[in-house]
């Protein structure tokens, strides 16, 4: 029996349920990852289509893009926090 666990996100390592400071950055990083996996890359203008404003993109792009880059590298190398890895039972 395999229990499916959603992929861990890099931003989840620096946030808590009570501290939502990084939530806008996390949403943008998630969008960048999704667009990159779909198209092969993500440009700032791609985020405008997903509902982010010009101000959001101008303010959050660098931080979110850096987080997305790390997230994509971790996914490519199958790296995740040890406490969040999927457990498989035979």
Protein backbone atom coordinates (compact mmCIF):
# COMPACT_ATOMS: atom_id res chain seq x y z
CA UNK A 1 0.00 0.00 0.00
CA UNK A 2 1.40 3.37 -1.00
CA UNK A 3 0.36 6.59 0.67
CA UNK A 4 0.70 9.53 -1.68
CA UNK A 5 2.25 12.65 -0.18
CA UNK A 6 2.27 15.94 -2.06
CA UNK A 7 5.73 17.08 -3.13
CA UNK A 8 7.44 19.18 -0.49
CA UNK A 9 8.16 22.77 -1.39
CA UNK A 10 11.31 24.65 -0.50
CA UNK A 11 9.27 27.55 0.87
CA UNK A 12 7.56 25.17 3.30
CA UNK A 13 10.91 24.78 5.02
CA UNK A 14 10.96 28.45 6.06
CA UNK A 15 7.29 29.03 6.87
CA UNK A 16 4.80 27.90 9.45
CA UNK A 17 1.01 27.80 9.55
CA UNK A 18 1.02 30.91 11.71
CA UNK A 19 3.64 32.86 9.73
CA UNK A 20 2.34 33.67 6.25
CA UNK A 21 4.97 36.27 5.27
CA UNK A 22 6.22 34.19 2.38
CA UNK A 23 2.83 33.06 1.05
CA UNK A 24 2.75 35.49 -1.93
CA UNK A 25 6.29 34.45 -2.86
CA UNK A 26 5.34 30.79 -2.46
CA UNK A 27 2.33 31.19 -4.76
CA UNK A 28 4.49 32.86 -7.39
CA UNK A 29 7.23 30.23 -7.04
CA UNK A 30 4.60 27.50 -7.48
CA UNK A 31 3.32 29.24 -10.61
CA UNK A 32 6.87 29.57 -11.98
CA UNK A 33 7.51 25.86 -11.37
CA UNK A 34 4.22 24.89 -13.01
CA UNK A 35 4.82 27.11 -16.06
CA UNK A 36 8.42 25.92 -16.38
CA UNK A 37 7.40 22.27 -16.26
CA UNK A 38 4.73 22.97 -18.88
CA UNK A 39 6.63 25.27 -21.28
CA UNK A 40 10.28 24.72 -20.43
CA UNK A 41 10.79 28.25 -19.05
CA UNK A 42 8.88 31.05 -17.37
CA UNK A 43 9.08 34.74 -18.13
CA UNK A 44 7.69 37.55 -16.04
CA UNK A 45 4.91 38.18 -18.57
CA UNK A 46 3.71 34.57 -18.13
CA UNK A 47 2.81 35.37 -14.53
CA UNK A 48 0.48 38.19 -15.56
CA UNK A 49 -1.75 35.61 -17.26
CA UNK A 50 -1.94 33.61 -14.02
CA UNK A 51 -3.38 36.55 -12.08
CA UNK A 52 -0.33 38.32 -10.67
CA UNK A 53 -0.20 42.09 -11.10
CA UNK A 54 2.68 44.07 -12.55
CA UNK A 55 3.45 45.24 -9.00
CA UNK A 56 3.48 41.64 -7.71
CA UNK A 57 5.88 40.60 -10.45
CA UNK A 58 8.14 43.61 -9.92
CA UNK A 59 8.27 43.04 -6.17
CA UNK A 60 8.41 39.25 -5.89
CA UNK A 61 10.01 37.99 -9.12
CA UNK A 62 13.62 37.64 -7.97
CA UNK A 63 12.83 35.86 -4.70
CA UNK A 64 10.15 33.62 -6.24
CA UNK A 65 12.30 32.78 -9.26
CA UNK A 66 15.20 31.79 -6.98
CA UNK A 67 12.91 29.54 -4.92
CA UNK A 68 11.45 28.02 -8.08
CA UNK A 69 14.92 27.34 -9.44
CA UNK A 70 15.91 25.51 -6.26
CA UNK A 71 12.59 23.62 -6.27
CA UNK A 72 13.12 22.48 -9.86
CA UNK A 73 16.68 21.33 -9.13
CA UNK A 74 15.51 19.42 -6.06
CA UNK A 75 12.77 17.73 -8.05
CA UNK A 76 15.19 16.85 -10.84
CA UNK A 77 17.57 15.27 -8.32
CA UNK A 78 14.77 13.70 -6.25
CA UNK A 79 15.81 15.66 -3.17
CA UNK A 80 13.27 16.32 -0.45
CA UNK A 81 13.27 16.75 3.28
CA UNK A 82 13.83 13.40 4.95
CA UNK A 83 10.78 13.81 7.19
CA UNK A 84 8.48 14.40 4.21
CA UNK A 85 9.63 11.62 1.90
CA UNK A 86 7.06 9.17 0.66
CA UNK A 87 7.02 5.95 2.64
CA UNK A 88 6.42 2.78 0.66
CA UNK A 89 5.28 -0.42 2.28
CA UNK A 90 5.55 -3.83 0.66
